[in-house]
Amino acid sequence: MEILINDKPYTVNEHTSLSLALELIDIKNQSGIAVAVNNRVIPKAHWPGHTLSPNDKILVIRVAQGG
């Protein structure tokens, strides 16, 4: 099935978890990351259990500090 991560298409297996999908873009247990699926923020603790559906749109935001 196809999903979008930050507007880039990816093909994943059915029943893929959000955490597995994020590994496609080298995000695994990094701090300073917020993730939304279809405009709904998913808490980091729920990433492994959140199963994706076809055409889900995932937005990954990295927090940056300025000074």
PDB file of N, CA and C in Angstrom:
ATOM      1  N   MET A   1       0.850  -1.178   0.000  1.00  0.00           N
ATOM      2  CA  MET A   1       0.000   0.000   0.000  1.00  0.00           C
ATOM      3  C   MET A   1       0.888   1.231   0.000  1.00  0.00           C
ATOM      4  N   GLU A   2       0.334   2.337  -0.473  1.00  0.00           N
ATOM      5  CA  GLU A   2       1.098   3.574  -0.515  1.00  0.00           C
ATOM      6  C   GLU A   2       0.692   4.503   0.622  1.00  0.00           C
ATOM      7  N   ILE A   3       1.701   5.193   1.153  1.00  0.00           N
ATOM      8  CA  ILE A   3       1.506   6.233   2.154  1.00  0.00           C
ATOM      9  C   ILE A   3       2.362   7.423   1.743  1.00  0.00           C
ATOM     10  N   LEU A   4       2.112   8.547   2.347  1.00  0.00           N
ATOM     11  CA  LEU A   4       2.956   9.725   2.130  1.00  0.00           C
ATOM     12  C   LEU A   4       3.617  10.099   3.449  1.00  0.00           C
ATOM     13  N   ILE A   5       4.923  10.334   3.391  1.00  0.00           N
ATOM     14  CA  ILE A   5       5.646  10.847   4.544  1.00  0.00           C
ATOM     15  C   ILE A   5       6.268  12.158   4.108  1.00  0.00           C
ATOM     16  N   ASN A   6       5.810  13.244   4.715  1.00  0.00           N
ATOM     17  CA  ASN A   6       6.244  14.589   4.326  1.00  0.00           C
ATOM     18  C   ASN A   6       6.133  14.789   2.813  1.00  0.00           C
ATOM     19  N   ASP A   7       4.982  14.394   2.274  1.00  0.00           N
ATOM     20  CA  ASP A   7       4.621  14.553   0.858  1.00  0.00           C
ATOM     21  C   ASP A   7       5.426  13.686  -0.099  1.00  0.00           C
ATOM     22  N   LYS A   8       6.196  12.732   0.402  1.00  0.00           N
ATOM     23  CA  LYS A   8       6.950  11.822  -0.456  1.00  0.00           C
ATOM     24  C   LYS A   8       6.291  10.440  -0.379  1.00  0.00           C
ATOM     25  N   PRO A   9       5.990   9.824  -1.529  1.00  0.00           N
ATOM     26  CA  PRO A   9       5.314   8.523  -1.504  1.00  0.00           C
ATOM     27  C   PRO A   9       6.253   7.387  -1.106  1.00  0.00           C
ATOM     28  N   TYR A  10       5.710   6.466  -0.321  1.00  0.00           N
ATOM     29  CA  TYR A  10       6.413   5.248   0.082  1.00  0.00           C
ATOM     30  C   TYR A  10       5.447   4.084  -0.052  1.00  0.00           C
ATOM     31  N   THR A  11       5.988   2.922  -0.380  1.00  0.00           N
ATOM     32  CA  THR A  11       5.193   1.706  -0.422  1.00  0.00           C
ATOM     33  C   THR A  11       5.567   0.860   0.781  1.00  0.00           C
ATOM     34  N   VAL A  12       4.557   0.468   1.559  1.00  0.00           N
ATOM     35  CA  VAL A  12       4.762  -0.360   2.748  1.00  0.00           C
ATOM     36  C   VAL A  12       3.775  -1.521   2.712  1.00  0.00           C
ATOM     37  N   ASN A  13       4.026  -2.524   3.529  1.00  0.00           N
ATOM     38  CA  ASN A  13       3.115  -3.654   3.638  1.00  0.00           C
ATOM     39  C   ASN A  13       1.860  -3.252   4.393  1.00  0.00           C
ATOM     40  N   GLU A  14       0.779  -3.979   4.154  1.00  0.00           N
ATOM     41  CA  GLU A  14      -0.429  -3.754   4.933  1.00  0.00           C
ATOM     42  C   GLU A  14      -0.125  -4.020   6.401  1.00  0.00           C
ATOM     43  N   HIS A  15      -0.826  -3.356   7.281  1.00  0.00           N
ATOM     44  CA  HIS A  15      -0.677  -3.500   8.730  1.00  0.00           C
ATOM     45  C   HIS A  15       0.681  -3.014   9.233  1.00  0.00           C
ATOM     46  N   THR A  16       1.326  -2.116   8.486  1.00  0.00           N
ATOM     47  CA  THR A  16       2.585  -1.535   8.926  1.00  0.00           C
ATOM     48  C   THR A  16       2.313  -0.535  10.038  1.00  0.00           C
ATOM     49  N   SER A  17       3.136  -0.585  11.089  1.00  0.00           N
ATOM     50  CA  SER A  17       2.974   0.369  12.188  1.00  0.00           C
ATOM     51  C   SER A  17       3.642   1.694  11.821  1.00  0.00           C
ATOM     52  N   LEU A  18       3.243   2.724  12.528  1.00  0.00           N
ATOM     53  CA  LEU A  18       3.833   4.038  12.312  1.00  0.00           C
ATOM     54  C   LEU A  18       5.327   4.003  12.599  1.00  0.00           C
ATOM     55  N   SER A  19       5.741   3.313  13.649  1.00  0.00           N
ATOM     56  CA  SER A  19       7.167   3.270  13.979  1.00  0.00           C
ATOM     57  C   SER A  19       7.973   2.600  12.868  1.00  0.00           C
ATOM     58  N   LEU A  20       7.450   1.546  12.256  1.00  0.00           N
ATOM     59  CA  LEU A  20       8.163   0.897  11.142  1.00  0.00           C
ATOM     60  C   LEU A  20       8.243   1.825   9.935  1.00  0.00           C
ATOM     61  N   ALA A  21       7.174   2.552   9.670  1.00  0.00           N
ATOM     62  CA  ALA A  21       7.194   3.492   8.550  1.00  0.00           C
ATOM     63  C   ALA A  21       8.221   4.591   8.775  1.00  0.00           C
ATOM     64  N   LEU A  22       8.343   5.046  10.010  1.00  0.00           N
ATOM     65  CA  LEU A  22       9.316   6.103  10.305  1.00  0.00           C
ATOM     66  C   LEU A  22      10.753   5.620  10.144  1.00  0.00           C
ATOM     67  N   GLU A  23      10.975   4.325  10.304  1.00  0.00           N
ATOM     68  CA  GLU A  23      12.307   3.780  10.078  1.00  0.00           C
ATOM     69  C   GLU A  23      12.730   3.949   8.618  1.00  0.00           C
ATOM     70  N   LEU A  24      11.764   4.044   7.707  1.00  0.00           N
ATOM     71  CA  LEU A  24      12.076   4.264   6.291  1.00  0.00           C
ATOM     72  C   LEU A  24      12.836   5.567   6.076  1.00  0.00           C
ATOM     73  N   ILE A  25      12.582   6.524   6.955  1.00  0.00           N
ATOM     74  CA  ILE A  25      13.268   7.819   6.824  1.00  0.00           C
ATOM     75  C   ILE A  25      14.258   8.030   7.965  1.00  0.00           C
ATOM     76  N   ASP A  26      14.730   6.923   8.517  1.00  0.00           N
ATOM     77  CA  ASP A  26      15.770   6.934   9.561  1.00  0.00           C
ATOM     78  C   ASP A  26      15.370   7.664  10.834  1.00  0.00           C
ATOM     79  N   ILE A  27      14.108   7.548  11.206  1.00  0.00           N
ATOM     80  CA  ILE A  27      13.657   8.092  12.492  1.00  0.00           C
ATOM     81  C   ILE A  27      13.314   6.918  13.380  1.00  0.00           C
ATOM     82  N   LYS A  28      14.089   6.770  14.441  1.00  0.00           N
ATOM     83  CA  LYS A  28      13.844   5.698  15.396  1.00  0.00           C
ATOM     84  C   LYS A  28      14.249   6.200  16.772  1.00  0.00           C
ATOM     85  N   ASN A  29      13.255   6.433  17.605  1.00  0.00           N
ATOM     86  CA  ASN A  29      13.473   6.865  18.986  1.00  0.00           C
ATOM     87  C   ASN A  29      14.271   8.159  19.100  1.00  0.00           C
ATOM     88  N   GLN A  30      14.105   9.049  18.153  1.00  0.00           N
ATOM     89  CA  GLN A  30      14.786  10.342  18.249  1.00  0.00           C
ATOM     90  C   GLN A  30      13.932  11.309  19.064  1.00  0.00           C
ATOM     91  N   SER A  31      14.585  12.136  19.825  1.00  0.00           N
ATOM     92  CA  SER A  31      13.844  13.150  20.576  1.00  0.00           C
ATOM     93  C   SER A  31      13.660  14.383  19.688  1.00  0.00           C
ATOM     94  N   GLY A  32      12.731  15.232  20.079  1.00  0.00           N
ATOM     95  CA  GLY A  32      12.494  16.451  19.320  1.00  0.00           C
ATOM     96  C   GLY A  32      11.714  16.234  18.044  1.00  0.00           C
ATOM     97  N   ILE A  33      10.912  15.172  18.003  1.00  0.00           N
ATOM     98  CA  ILE A  33      10.140  14.835  16.807  1.00  0.00           C
ATOM     99  C   ILE A  33       8.657  14.798  17.179  1.00  0.00           C
ATOM    100  N   ALA A  34       7.831  15.393  16.341  1.00  0.00           N
ATOM    101  CA  ALA A  34       6.378  15.274  16.472  1.00  0.00           C
ATOM    102  C   ALA A  34       5.863  14.666  15.178  1.00  0.00           C
ATOM    103  N   VAL A  35       4.871  13.773  15.297  1.00  0.00           N
ATOM    104  CA  VAL A  35       4.342  13.086  14.125  1.00  0.00           C
ATOM    105  C   VAL A  35       2.825  13.183  14.121  1.00  0.00           C
ATOM    106  N   ALA A  36       2.285  13.537  12.960  1.00  0.00           N
ATOM    107  CA  ALA A  36       0.833  13.570  12.774  1.00  0.00           C
ATOM    108  C   ALA A  36       0.478  12.653  11.614  1.00  0.00           C
ATOM    109  N   VAL A  37      -0.616  11.920  11.772  1.00  0.00           N
ATOM    110  CA  VAL A  37      -1.152  11.085  10.706  1.00  0.00           C
ATOM    111  C   VAL A  37      -2.516  11.656  10.359  1.00  0.00           C
ATOM    112  N   ASN A  38      -2.653  12.066   9.101  1.00  0.00           N
ATOM    113  CA  ASN A  38      -3.902  12.679   8.639  1.00  0.00           C
ATOM    114  C   ASN A  38      -4.331  13.830   9.558  1.00  0.00           C
ATOM    115  N   ASN A  39      -3.373  14.694   9.872  1.00  0.00           N
ATOM    116  CA  ASN A  39      -3.573  15.901  10.687  1.00  0.00           C
ATOM    117  C   ASN A  39      -3.926  15.620  12.143  1.00  0.00           C
ATOM    118  N   ARG A  40      -3.638  14.430  12.624  1.00  0.00           N
ATOM    119  CA  ARG A  40      -3.884  14.085  14.034  1.00  0.00           C
ATOM    120  C   ARG A  40      -2.556  13.677  14.666  1.00  0.00           C
ATOM    121  N   VAL A  41      -2.128  14.406  15.684  1.00  0.00           N
ATOM    122  CA  VAL A  41      -0.854  14.114  16.345  1.00  0.00           C
ATOM    123  C   VAL A  41      -0.957  12.760  17.047  1.00  0.00           C
ATOM    124  N   ILE A  42       0.063  11.931  16.833  1.00  0.00           N
ATOM    125  CA  ILE A  42       0.132  10.611  17.456  1.00  0.00           C
ATOM    126  C   ILE A  42       1.238  10.666  18.509  1.00  0.00           C
ATOM    127  N   PRO A  43       0.917  10.452  19.781  1.00  0.00           N
ATOM    128  CA  PRO A  43       1.956  10.444  20.819  1.00  0.00           C
ATOM    129  C   PRO A  43       3.006   9.363  20.531  1.00  0.00           C
ATOM    130  N   LYS A  44       4.239   9.668  20.859  1.00  0.00           N
ATOM    131  CA  LYS A  44       5.350   8.759  20.577  1.00  0.00           C
ATOM    132  C   LYS A  44       5.119   7.362  21.161  1.00  0.00           C
ATOM    133  N   ALA A  45       4.507   7.290  22.317  1.00  0.00           N
ATOM    134  CA  ALA A  45       4.249   5.992  22.950  1.00  0.00           C
ATOM    135  C   ALA A  45       3.293   5.134  22.128  1.00  0.00           C
ATOM    136  N   HIS A  46       2.518   5.752  21.238  1.00  0.00           N
ATOM    137  CA  HIS A  46       1.547   5.020  20.423  1.00  0.00           C
ATOM    138  C   HIS A  46       2.071   4.643  19.042  1.00  0.00           C
ATOM    139  N   TRP A  47       3.257   5.111  18.662  1.00  0.00           N
ATOM    140  CA  TRP A  47       3.795   4.821  17.336  1.00  0.00           C
ATOM    141  C   TRP A  47       3.857   3.328  17.025  1.00  0.00           C
ATOM    142  N   PRO A  48       4.350   2.477  17.935  1.00  0.00           N
ATOM    143  CA  PRO A  48       4.440   1.044  17.600  1.00  0.00           C
ATOM    144  C   PRO A  48       3.073   0.385  17.384  1.00  0.00           C
ATOM    145  N   GLY A  49       2.046   0.853  18.045  1.00  0.00           N
ATOM    146  CA  GLY A  49       0.737   0.233  17.942  1.00  0.00           C
ATOM    147  C   GLY A  49      -0.199   0.899  16.954  1.00  0.00           C
ATOM    148  N   HIS A  50       0.242   1.996  16.350  1.00  0.00           N
ATOM    149  CA  HIS A  50      -0.615   2.712  15.399  1.00  0.00           C
ATOM    150  C   HIS A  50      -0.433   2.090  14.014  1.00  0.00           C
ATOM    151  N   THR A  51      -1.456   1.388  13.535  1.00  0.00           N
ATOM    152  CA  THR A  51      -1.397   0.738  12.227  1.00  0.00           C
ATOM    153  C   THR A  51      -1.829   1.720  11.148  1.00  0.00           C
ATOM    154  N   LEU A  52      -1.051   1.759  10.090  1.00  0.00           N
ATOM    155  CA  LEU A  52      -1.335   2.683   8.999  1.00  0.00           C
ATOM    156  C   LEU A  52      -2.343   2.080   8.023  1.00  0.00           C
ATOM    157  N   SER A  53      -3.018   2.974   7.303  1.00  0.00           N
ATOM    158  CA  SER A  53      -3.983   2.593   6.283  1.00  0.00           C
ATOM    159  C   SER A  53      -3.515   3.134   4.938  1.00  0.00           C
ATOM    160  N   PRO A  54      -4.024   2.570   3.835  1.00  0.00           N
ATOM    161  CA  PRO A  54      -3.637   3.088   2.519  1.00  0.00           C
ATOM    162  C   PRO A  54      -3.903   4.588   2.412  1.00  0.00           C
ATOM    163  N   ASN A  55      -2.967   5.272   1.791  1.00  0.00           N
ATOM    164  CA  ASN A  55      -3.046   6.709   1.526  1.00  0.00           C
ATOM    165  C   ASN A  55      -2.960   7.591   2.766  1.00  0.00           C
ATOM    166  N   ASP A  56      -2.521   7.044   3.901  1.00  0.00           N
ATOM    167  CA  ASP A  56      -2.294   7.886   5.070  1.00  0.00           C
ATOM    168  C   ASP A  56      -1.244   8.941   4.754  1.00  0.00           C
ATOM    169  N   LYS A  57      -1.440  10.122   5.309  1.00  0.00           N
ATOM    170  CA  LYS A  57      -0.498  11.225   5.124  1.00  0.00           C
ATOM    171  C   LYS A  57       0.167  11.496   6.462  1.00  0.00           C
ATOM    172  N   ILE A  58       1.471  11.250   6.501  1.00  0.00           N
ATOM    173  CA  ILE A  58       2.249  11.394   7.722  1.00  0.00           C
ATOM    174  C   ILE A  58       3.092  12.660   7.614  1.00  0.00           C
ATOM    175  N   LEU A  59       3.017  13.475   8.640  1.00  0.00           N
ATOM    176  CA  LEU A  59       3.819  14.687   8.709  1.00  0.00           C
ATOM    177  C   LEU A  59       4.758  14.563   9.881  1.00  0.00           C
ATOM    178  N   VAL A  60       6.058  14.687   9.608  1.00  0.00           N
ATOM    179  CA  VAL A  60       7.085  14.604  10.654  1.00  0.00           C
ATOM    180  C   VAL A  60       7.675  15.990  10.824  1.00  0.00           C
ATOM    181  N   ILE A  61       7.648  16.471  12.054  1.00  0.00           N
ATOM    182  CA  ILE A  61       8.186  17.803  12.356  1.00  0.00           C
ATOM    183  C   ILE A  61       9.332  17.626  13.342  1.00  0.00           C
ATOM    184  N   ARG A  62      10.461  18.192  13.005  1.00  0.00           N
ATOM    185  CA  ARG A  62      11.621  18.169  13.893  1.00  0.00           C
ATOM    186  C   ARG A  62      11.722  19.521  14.587  1.00  0.00           C
ATOM    187  N   VAL A  63      11.801  19.466  15.898  1.00  0.00           N
ATOM    188  CA  VAL A  63      11.921  20.688  16.690  1.00  0.00           C
ATOM    189  C   VAL A  63      13.372  21.149  16.655  1.00  0.00           C
ATOM    190  N   ALA A  64      13.554  22.424  16.393  1.00  0.00           N
ATOM    191  CA  ALA A  64      14.901  22.994  16.357  1.00  0.00           C
ATOM    192  C   ALA A  64      14.981  24.121  17.382  1.00  0.00           C
ATOM    193  N   GLN A  65      16.105  24.181  18.058  1.00  0.00           N
ATOM    194  CA  GLN A  65      16.309  25.243  19.031  1.00  0.00           C
ATOM    195  C   GLN A  65      17.113  26.359  18.384  1.00  0.00           C
ATOM    196  N   GLY A  66      16.753  27.538  18.736  1.00  0.00           N
ATOM    197  CA  GLY A  66      17.483  28.701  18.245  1.00  0.00           C
ATOM    198  C   GLY A  66      18.073  29.467  19.423  1.00  0.00           C
ATOM    199  N   GLY A  67      18.851  30.418  19.120  1.00  0.00           N
ATOM    200  CA  GLY A  67      19.411  31.135  20.245  1.00  0.00           C
ATOM    201  C   GLY A  67      19.999  32.404  19.916  1.00  0.00           C
TER     202      GLY A  67
END
